[in-house]
Amino acid sequence: MIDLAEATFPHSRDLNPAPPRIYWMHGRMLLYQGKAHEAEEEARQGLARNPDQFKLMSYLGDFLYYQGKMDEAERVLKRSIELRGRAAAPEAPVFLAFIQASRGQRDQIDPLVFHYKPEDMVDGDFAEWVGAVYAILGDKQPALTWLRRTVQLGNHNYPWFQRDRNWDKLRPEPEFQQIMREVEGYWNHYNDLFGHSPF
């Protein structure tokens, strides 16, 4: 099923290469499979057509981050923030917070990242990203609270949770392991229903 879905992205792009969303969504799918370099290439291809598309640029920054290209990722994400202006596109500040948290620069993180509340969040992906910032900082309880909210909102991407280095500090925690068992149960159920995923 994943192979079929992935084949659909380039086909959609061939039919209409203009919309930037197809590039960042395909890039995210590649990232979740551990193909961060290919995700970067996808984002760059989209940016060649849409050079000032700030949301696509924010995902490029994320893909660079996961390859350890921290300085370049930081520059790209800061440029994305400049371009977005007053637009409601919160991805770049949170992705930038991954870098700042990794460097121990808590004071440089956009304060808005710390003002989000799990109970107000309705996006499971974004909940996971905010939780990851706390996880990188070593703030165990907020990170776990956000992770539980992530699961409540339907983000059950078990292979990604196992792969994502942002959560490495919490892996020994019994509560983290319990949440992962729950997520694995959802993932296995989906595989039973729809077929095995190679993620």
Protein backbone atom coordinates (compact mmCIF):
# COMPACT_ATOMS: atom_id res chain seq x y z
CA MET A 1 0.00 0.00 0.00
CA ILE A 2 2.85 2.40 0.80
CA ASP A 3 4.44 1.73 -2.59
CA LEU A 4 1.14 2.50 -4.30
CA ALA A 5 0.68 5.69 -2.29
CA GLU A 6 4.21 6.83 -2.98
CA ALA A 7 3.79 6.22 -6.71
CA THR A 8 0.72 8.45 -6.62
CA PHE A 9 2.67 11.51 -5.51
CA PRO A 10 4.91 11.80 -8.61
CA HIS A 11 1.93 11.02 -10.82
CA SER A 12 -0.05 13.83 -9.19
CA ARG A 13 2.93 16.15 -9.62
CA ASP A 14 3.21 15.23 -13.28
CA LEU A 15 -0.46 16.06 -13.82
CA ASN A 16 -0.10 19.43 -12.12
CA PRO A 17 3.39 20.39 -10.91
CA ALA A 18 2.42 23.84 -9.66
CA PRO A 19 0.84 23.29 -6.20
CA PRO A 20 3.58 23.25 -3.54
CA ARG A 21 1.65 21.02 -1.16
CA ILE A 22 2.36 17.87 -3.18
CA TYR A 23 6.10 18.40 -2.66
CA TRP A 24 6.04 18.77 1.10
CA MET A 25 3.55 15.93 1.57
CA HIS A 26 5.64 13.55 -0.52
CA GLY A 27 8.72 14.78 1.30
CA ARG A 28 7.15 13.98 4.64
CA MET A 29 6.29 10.49 3.45
CA LEU A 30 9.89 9.98 2.38
CA LEU A 31 11.17 11.29 5.71
CA TYR A 32 8.96 8.87 7.62
CA GLN A 33 10.64 6.05 5.68
CA GLY A 34 14.07 7.27 6.70
CA LYS A 35 14.77 8.92 3.33
CA ALA A 36 15.57 12.44 4.50
CA HIS A 37 17.90 13.16 1.56
CA GLU A 38 15.22 12.21 -0.94
CA ALA A 39 12.75 14.35 1.02
CA GLU A 40 15.18 17.28 0.72
CA GLU A 41 15.42 16.76 -3.05
CA GLU A 42 11.63 16.74 -3.31
CA ALA A 43 11.37 20.02 -1.41
CA ARG A 44 14.09 21.63 -3.52
CA GLN A 45 12.28 20.57 -6.67
CA GLY A 46 9.15 22.30 -5.42
CA LEU A 47 11.07 25.40 -4.40
CA ALA A 48 12.57 25.64 -7.87
CA ARG A 49 9.01 26.31 -9.04
CA ASN A 50 7.92 28.27 -5.95
CA PRO A 51 11.08 29.92 -4.57
CA ASP A 52 9.32 32.01 -1.90
CA GLN A 53 6.83 29.39 -0.73
CA PHE A 54 7.49 29.68 2.98
CA LYS A 55 5.65 26.55 4.10
CA LEU A 56 7.50 24.35 1.63
CA MET A 57 10.69 26.06 2.77
CA SER A 58 9.88 25.18 6.39
CA TYR A 59 9.68 21.50 5.46
CA LEU A 60 12.99 21.75 3.63
CA GLY A 61 14.45 23.02 6.89
CA ASP A 62 12.98 20.03 8.70
CA PHE A 63 14.42 17.59 6.15
CA LEU A 64 17.83 19.23 6.49
CA TYR A 65 17.61 19.01 10.28
CA TYR A 66 17.08 15.26 10.13
CA GLN A 67 20.25 14.93 8.05
CA GLY A 68 22.24 16.84 10.65
CA LYS A 69 22.68 19.88 8.39
CA MET A 70 21.92 22.18 11.28
CA ASP A 71 23.40 25.46 10.07
CA GLU A 72 21.74 25.22 6.68
CA ALA A 73 18.46 24.14 8.24
CA GLU A 74 18.59 27.14 10.58
CA ARG A 75 19.14 29.56 7.69
CA VAL A 76 16.29 28.04 5.68
CA LEU A 77 13.88 28.10 8.60
CA LYS A 78 14.69 31.69 9.50
CA ARG A 79 14.11 32.67 5.89
CA SER A 80 10.79 30.83 5.95
CA ILE A 81 9.77 32.81 9.03
CA GLU A 82 10.72 36.07 7.31
CA LEU A 83 8.68 35.18 4.23
CA ARG A 84 5.56 34.06 6.05
CA GLY A 85 5.02 37.46 7.68
CA ARG A 86 1.69 37.42 9.51
CA ALA A 87 0.46 34.24 7.85
CA ALA A 88 -0.80 31.51 10.18
CA ALA A 89 1.87 28.92 9.37
CA PRO A 90 3.46 27.72 12.61
CA GLU A 91 5.65 24.91 11.27
CA ALA A 92 8.90 26.87 10.84
CA PRO A 93 9.19 28.19 14.42
CA VAL A 94 8.62 24.70 15.81
CA PHE A 95 11.10 23.08 13.41
CA LEU A 96 13.58 25.83 14.29
CA ALA A 97 12.96 24.99 17.95
CA PHE A 98 14.25 21.47 17.25
CA ILE A 99 17.61 22.99 16.36
CA GLN A 100 17.62 25.49 19.22
CA ALA A 101 16.64 22.83 21.75
CA SER A 102 19.34 20.49 20.41
CA ARG A 103 21.87 23.26 20.97
CA GLY A 104 20.60 24.05 24.47
CA GLN A 105 19.29 27.45 23.32
CA ARG A 106 15.99 27.37 25.18
CA ASP A 107 15.95 31.14 25.51
CA GLN A 108 16.01 31.55 21.71
CA ILE A 109 12.93 29.41 21.07
CA ASP A 110 9.87 31.38 19.98
CA PRO A 111 7.79 31.81 23.18
CA LEU A 112 4.68 30.80 21.25
CA VAL A 113 5.97 27.22 21.14
CA PHE A 114 5.67 27.06 24.94
CA HIS A 115 2.22 28.70 24.97
CA TYR A 116 0.49 25.92 23.05
CA LYS A 117 -1.76 23.75 25.24
CA PRO A 118 -2.30 20.04 24.58
CA GLU A 119 -6.03 20.29 25.28
CA ASP A 120 -6.40 23.01 22.62
CA MET A 121 -4.52 21.09 19.93
CA VAL A 122 -6.48 19.40 17.15
CA ASP A 123 -3.61 18.38 14.83
CA GLY A 124 -1.83 15.15 15.77
CA ASP A 125 1.28 15.94 13.74
CA PHE A 126 1.69 19.37 15.27
CA ALA A 127 1.12 17.94 18.76
CA GLU A 128 3.97 15.51 18.13
CA TRP A 129 6.26 18.32 16.98
CA VAL A 130 5.60 20.45 20.06
CA GLY A 131 6.12 17.43 22.28
CA ALA A 132 9.39 16.73 20.52
CA VAL A 133 10.71 20.16 21.48
CA TYR A 134 10.12 19.34 25.14
CA ALA A 135 11.64 15.89 24.64
CA ILE A 136 14.84 17.33 23.15
CA LEU A 137 15.07 19.77 26.07
CA GLY A 138 14.67 16.87 28.50
CA ASP A 139 11.38 18.20 29.91
CA LYS A 140 9.97 14.74 30.48
CA GLN A 141 6.48 15.36 31.76
CA PRO A 142 5.38 18.00 29.23
CA ALA A 143 6.83 15.87 26.45
CA LEU A 144 4.88 12.81 27.56
CA THR A 145 1.69 14.84 27.97
CA TRP A 146 2.06 16.09 24.40
CA LEU A 147 2.82 12.57 23.17
CA ARG A 148 -0.37 11.26 24.78
CA ARG A 149 -2.31 14.05 23.09
CA THR A 150 -0.64 13.12 19.81
CA VAL A 151 -1.97 9.59 20.11
CA GLN A 152 -5.45 10.79 21.17
CA LEU A 153 -5.58 12.87 18.00
CA GLY A 154 -4.89 9.82 15.84
CA ASN A 155 -1.19 10.11 15.07
CA HIS A 156 -0.24 6.44 15.30
CA ASN A 157 2.88 6.47 13.13
CA TYR A 158 4.67 3.81 15.16
CA PRO A 159 7.66 3.29 12.82
CA TRP A 160 8.36 7.03 12.83
CA PHE A 161 8.18 7.24 16.60
CA GLN A 162 10.75 4.44 16.74
CA ARG A 163 12.99 6.23 14.24
CA ASP A 164 12.64 9.88 15.31
CA ARG A 165 15.76 10.91 17.24
CA ASN A 166 13.88 13.77 18.87
CA TRP A 167 12.44 11.27 21.36
CA ASP A 168 15.66 9.47 22.22
CA LYS A 169 15.98 10.94 25.72
CA LEU A 170 12.58 9.55 26.69
CA ARG A 171 12.93 6.03 25.32
CA PRO A 172 14.00 4.49 28.66
CA GLU A 173 10.96 5.96 30.42
CA PRO A 174 8.27 3.40 31.35
CA GLU A 175 5.50 5.84 30.38
CA PHE A 176 7.05 6.37 26.95
CA GLN A 177 7.29 2.62 26.44
CA GLN A 178 3.67 2.20 27.51
CA ILE A 179 2.54 4.84 25.00
CA MET A 180 4.59 3.12 22.30
CA ARG A 181 2.91 -0.22 23.05
CA GLU A 182 -0.44 1.51 22.57
CA VAL A 183 0.69 3.07 19.30
CA GLU A 184 2.10 -0.25 18.10
CA GLY A 185 -1.27 -1.83 18.78
CA TYR A 186 -2.99 0.73 16.58
CA TRP A 187 -0.35 0.25 13.87
CA ASN A 188 -0.71 -3.52 13.88
CA HIS A 189 -4.48 -3.17 13.69
CA TYR A 190 -4.17 -0.92 10.64
CA ASN A 191 -1.84 -3.43 9.02
CA ASP A 192 -4.38 -6.18 9.64
CA LEU A 193 -7.06 -4.06 8.01
CA PHE A 194 -5.14 -2.58 5.09
CA GLY A 195 -2.02 -4.63 4.57
CA HIS A 196 1.50 -4.57 5.89
CA SER A 197 3.51 -1.34 5.66
CA PRO A 198 7.24 -1.51 4.86
CA PHE A 199 7.97 1.55 7.03
